Protein backbone atom coordinates (compact mmCIF):
# COMPACT_ATOMS: atom_id res chain seq x y z
CA MET A 1 2.12 4.97 17.86
CA LEU A 2 -1.56 5.31 16.94
CA THR A 3 -0.99 3.65 13.56
CA ARG A 4 0.97 0.85 15.25
CA ALA A 5 -1.87 0.31 17.72
CA ARG A 6 -4.41 0.18 14.89
CA ARG A 7 -2.36 -2.38 13.00
CA LEU A 8 -2.01 -4.47 16.12
CA ALA A 9 -5.75 -4.32 16.81
CA ALA A 10 -6.59 -5.24 13.23
CA ALA A 11 -4.22 -8.22 13.36
CA TRP A 12 -5.81 -9.39 16.63
CA TRP A 13 -9.27 -9.10 15.09
CA ASP A 14 -8.29 -10.96 11.93
CA ASP A 15 -6.54 -13.88 13.63
CA ARG A 16 -5.71 -13.79 17.33
CA ARG A 17 -4.01 -17.21 17.11
CA GLN A 18 -0.87 -15.51 15.83
CA PHE A 19 -0.35 -14.05 19.33
CA ARG A 20 -0.35 -17.41 21.10
CA GLY A 21 2.94 -18.90 22.19
CA GLY A 22 6.41 -17.49 21.62
CA ARG A 23 7.07 -15.41 18.53
CA LEU A 24 10.53 -14.47 17.41
CA PRO A 25 11.20 -10.73 17.14
CA ARG A 26 11.99 -9.64 13.58
CA THR A 27 13.91 -6.66 12.25
CA CYS A 28 12.62 -4.29 9.62
CA PRO A 29 15.56 -2.96 7.56
CA ILE A 30 13.38 -0.11 6.25
CA CYS A 31 12.36 1.59 9.52
CA GLU A 32 14.74 -0.27 11.92
CA TYR A 33 11.82 -1.49 14.07
CA ARG A 34 12.59 -4.67 16.03
CA GLY A 35 9.80 -6.71 17.49
CA MET A 36 6.82 -8.81 16.55
CA PHE A 37 5.61 -8.77 12.96
CA ILE A 38 1.90 -9.28 12.31
CA SER A 39 -0.26 -11.06 9.73
CA VAL A 40 -1.30 -9.63 6.39
CA GLY A 41 -3.54 -10.86 3.58
CA HIS A 42 -6.54 -13.15 3.37
CA PRO A 43 -5.88 -15.84 4.42
CA GLY A 44 -3.32 -14.19 6.65
CA ARG A 45 0.42 -14.81 6.59
CA TRP A 46 1.85 -14.60 10.07
CA ASP A 47 5.06 -12.67 10.73
CA ALA A 48 4.63 -10.82 7.43
CA ARG A 49 3.95 -7.13 8.14
CA CYS A 50 6.14 -4.70 10.04
CA LEU A 51 4.11 -3.32 12.93
CA ASN A 52 5.77 0.07 12.62
CA CYS A 53 5.96 0.97 8.91
CA GLY A 54 3.62 -1.63 7.43
CA SER A 55 6.16 -3.12 5.03
CA ARG A 56 5.65 -6.62 3.69
CA GLU A 57 8.22 -9.26 2.81
CA ARG A 58 8.85 -8.11 -0.74
CA HIS A 59 9.29 -4.50 0.33
CA ARG A 60 11.99 -5.51 2.82
CA LEU A 61 13.73 -7.75 0.30
CA LEU A 62 13.79 -4.93 -2.26
CA HIS A 63 15.13 -2.50 0.32
CA LEU A 64 17.96 -4.93 1.22
CA TRP A 65 19.02 -5.08 -2.42
CA LEU A 66 18.74 -1.34 -2.93
CA THR A 67 20.94 -0.61 0.08
CA GLU A 68 23.38 -3.48 -0.42
CA ASN A 69 26.94 -2.57 0.62
CA GLY A 70 25.69 0.69 2.12
CA GLU A 71 24.81 2.36 -1.21
CA ASP A 72 21.57 3.81 -2.54
CA LYS A 73 21.02 2.21 -5.93
CA LEU A 74 18.11 4.59 -6.66
CA LYS A 75 20.09 7.81 -6.19
CA GLY A 76 19.87 10.00 -9.25
CA LYS A 77 17.79 7.44 -11.19
CA ARG A 78 14.59 8.13 -13.07
CA ILE A 79 12.12 5.52 -11.85
CA LEU A 80 8.76 4.21 -13.12
CA HIS A 81 6.91 2.14 -10.53
CA PHE A 82 3.90 0.09 -11.59
CA ALA A 83 1.14 -0.62 -9.00
CA PRO A 84 3.14 1.30 -6.37
CA GLU A 85 2.84 0.18 -2.74
CA LYS A 86 2.28 2.70 0.01
CA ALA A 87 5.42 1.66 1.86
CA PHE A 88 7.57 2.52 -1.15
CA MET A 89 5.66 5.66 -2.07
CA ARG A 90 6.35 7.02 1.41
CA ARG A 91 10.04 6.33 0.94
CA MET A 92 10.14 8.21 -2.37
CA ARG A 93 7.90 11.14 -1.40
CA GLY A 94 9.26 14.39 -2.80
CA ASN A 95 11.62 12.70 -5.29
CA PRO A 96 10.98 14.41 -8.68
CA LEU A 97 12.57 11.45 -10.50
CA TYR A 98 10.03 8.96 -9.14
CA GLU A 99 6.88 8.32 -11.23
CA THR A 100 4.07 5.87 -10.62
CA ALA A 101 1.71 4.08 -13.00
CA ASP A 102 -1.37 1.92 -12.87
CA LEU A 103 -4.50 1.26 -14.87
CA ALA A 104 -6.93 1.78 -11.98
CA GLN A 105 -5.07 2.93 -8.83
CA ALA A 106 -5.85 6.48 -7.71
CA GLY A 107 -3.16 9.09 -7.24
CA VAL A 108 -0.57 7.72 -9.69
CA THR A 109 1.50 9.81 -12.08
CA HIS A 110 0.35 7.91 -15.15
CA ARG A 111 -2.95 6.08 -15.72
CA LEU A 112 -1.95 3.50 -18.32
CA ASP A 113 -1.84 -0.09 -19.54
CA ILE A 114 1.49 -1.84 -18.78
CA THR A 115 1.32 -3.62 -22.15
CA ASP A 116 1.06 -0.33 -24.08
CA THR A 117 2.15 2.64 -21.99
CA LYS A 118 2.51 5.25 -24.78
CA LEU A 119 5.58 6.51 -22.87
CA PRO A 120 8.73 7.52 -24.75
CA ASP A 121 11.45 5.00 -25.68
CA ALA A 122 14.43 4.68 -23.33
CA ALA A 123 13.03 7.16 -20.80
CA TYR A 124 13.75 5.46 -17.46
CA ASP A 125 16.74 4.09 -15.56
CA ILE A 126 14.64 1.75 -13.43
CA VAL A 127 11.19 0.23 -13.72
CA MET A 128 9.59 -1.63 -10.85
CA ALA A 129 6.66 -4.05 -10.75
CA ASN A 130 6.04 -6.12 -7.63
CA HIS A 131 3.42 -8.87 -8.02
CA VAL A 132 2.00 -7.34 -11.20
CA LEU A 133 2.78 -9.64 -14.15
CA GLU A 134 0.82 -12.60 -12.77
CA HIS A 135 -2.30 -10.41 -13.28
CA ILE A 136 -1.58 -9.51 -16.93
CA PRO A 137 -3.10 -11.73 -19.62
CA ASP A 138 -0.42 -10.79 -22.19
CA ASP A 139 2.59 -10.74 -19.89
CA ARG A 140 5.07 -11.04 -22.74
CA ALA A 141 3.76 -7.78 -24.22
CA ALA A 142 4.22 -6.17 -20.79
CA MET A 143 7.84 -7.43 -20.62
CA ARG A 144 8.58 -6.02 -24.05
CA GLU A 145 7.09 -2.70 -23.01
CA LEU A 146 9.23 -2.57 -19.88
CA PHE A 147 12.27 -3.25 -22.07
CA ARG A 148 11.26 -0.49 -24.50
CA VAL A 149 10.87 2.30 -21.92
CA LEU A 150 14.18 1.49 -20.22
CA LYS A 151 17.41 3.22 -21.14
CA PRO A 152 20.32 0.97 -22.23
CA GLY A 153 21.82 -0.39 -19.03
CA GLY A 154 18.53 0.21 -17.18
CA LEU A 155 17.01 -2.29 -14.76
CA ALA A 156 13.60 -3.83 -14.30
CA LEU A 157 13.09 -4.92 -10.68
CA LEU A 158 10.42 -7.61 -10.63
CA THR A 159 8.85 -9.95 -8.12
CA THR A 160 6.07 -12.42 -8.69
CA PRO A 161 4.73 -15.62 -7.12
CA ILE A 162 6.90 -18.53 -8.30
CA ASN A 163 6.31 -22.25 -8.05
CA ALA A 164 9.94 -23.28 -7.73
CA THR A 165 8.99 -26.96 -7.96
CA ARG A 166 8.02 -26.50 -11.63
CA ASP A 167 10.15 -25.53 -14.59
CA ALA A 168 7.24 -24.38 -16.74
CA THR A 169 4.68 -21.70 -16.03
CA TYR A 170 1.15 -22.96 -15.58
CA GLU A 171 -1.52 -21.00 -17.43
CA ASN A 172 -4.78 -21.73 -19.18
CA PRO A 173 -6.85 -18.96 -20.79
CA ALA A 174 -10.01 -21.08 -20.35
CA ILE A 175 -9.75 -20.59 -16.57
CA VAL A 176 -11.72 -17.38 -16.08
CA SER A 177 -13.95 -17.51 -13.00
CA SER A 178 -12.74 -16.24 -9.62
CA ALA A 179 -13.23 -19.65 -8.02
CA GLU A 180 -11.26 -21.42 -10.75
CA ARG A 181 -8.43 -18.91 -10.64
CA TRP A 182 -8.20 -19.21 -6.85
CA ALA A 183 -8.01 -23.01 -7.12
CA HIS A 184 -5.50 -23.07 -10.01
CA PHE A 185 -3.39 -19.95 -9.43
CA SER A 186 -3.88 -19.20 -5.68
CA ALA A 187 -5.69 -15.85 -6.21
CA HIS A 188 -8.98 -14.82 -7.80
CA ASP A 189 -7.29 -12.21 -10.06
CA HIS A 190 -4.18 -14.18 -11.12
CA VAL A 191 -4.05 -15.61 -14.62
CA ARG A 192 -1.03 -17.92 -14.24
CA TYR A 193 1.39 -19.47 -11.78
CA TYR A 194 4.93 -18.84 -12.91
CA GLY A 195 7.54 -21.58 -12.91
CA LEU A 196 11.28 -21.21 -13.14
CA ASP A 197 10.94 -20.22 -16.81
CA PHE A 198 9.93 -16.73 -15.74
CA ALA A 199 13.53 -15.70 -16.38
CA ASP A 200 13.35 -17.24 -19.83
CA ARG A 201 10.33 -15.04 -20.68
CA LEU A 202 12.28 -11.97 -19.62
CA ALA A 203 15.24 -13.10 -21.74
CA GLU A 204 12.92 -13.49 -24.76
CA ALA A 205 12.05 -9.79 -24.34
CA GLY A 206 15.76 -8.93 -24.55
CA PHE A 207 16.74 -8.77 -20.86
CA ARG A 208 19.81 -10.20 -19.18
CA VAL A 209 18.49 -11.67 -15.94
CA GLU A 210 19.95 -12.10 -12.48
CA THR A 211 18.28 -12.92 -9.18
CA PHE A 212 18.74 -11.66 -5.64
CA ARG A 213 17.81 -13.30 -2.37
CA MET A 214 19.14 -13.28 1.20
CA PRO A 215 20.77 -16.17 3.09
CA PRO A 216 18.34 -18.41 5.04
CA GLU A 217 19.37 -16.96 8.40
CA ASP A 218 18.62 -13.41 7.19
CA GLU A 219 15.24 -14.49 5.82
CA VAL A 220 14.33 -15.26 9.43
CA VAL A 221 15.83 -12.04 10.84
CA PHE A 222 14.03 -9.79 8.38
CA GLY A 223 10.81 -11.79 8.06
CA LEU A 224 11.23 -12.66 4.38
CA LEU A 225 9.49 -15.34 2.33
CA ARG A 226 11.60 -18.43 1.74
CA ASP A 227 10.25 -18.90 -1.77
CA GLU A 228 10.60 -15.33 -3.11
CA TRP A 229 13.48 -13.53 -4.75
CA ILE A 230 13.94 -10.43 -6.90
CA TYR A 231 14.44 -10.76 -10.64
CA ILE A 232 16.87 -8.07 -11.79
CA ALA A 233 16.44 -7.73 -15.56
CA ARG A 234 19.00 -5.51 -17.30
CA LYS A 235 18.56 -3.96 -20.73
CA PRO A 236 21.90 -4.35 -22.58
């Protein structure tokens, strides 16, 4: 309850306007909390964060896919998770098959570069990277590396900001300052804004690509983003 109170106080301090007027209660499929969700990020997104467990939209969407039809798609799988989020690390605590990786984040299993991990070939059943590839200058090298470390039949579970109104990814290596990147790519540390050809880039690396999203009504129930879906990239 103390953590919930702290999150609520922080949300009030960041933007108290989110508490004005009626707010629909949301349901967190991860912790089964039902009630008001709060803002997250700068600038803040209202109705984004579970007040109880702290999950964000992409965490809940991933959980819904992982538990689809009442199964646990991670059971018995060796997993490599890049830039792991706290909400997911808590879920996997104590699982000896779960490994984490990042170039700078403290407390991970592997301190490494996603474009050249030095990890063995075909070592993992699942690799995960949520909102990572938009930060990587050579994203195609990263995709090839994800493909390499996966076992045949393994899955890469990927999310990234997508501009669904554009077919082609927008990138320009001449855009380097924080202000320019914010204006062009919506974040100071993003190096591109993916279009619908994100799946084509994954296919170039050898993946067979599917997507997963929830019906519009469920996006409201679970507080999901309307313009986000999971790319499920399978290594043949």
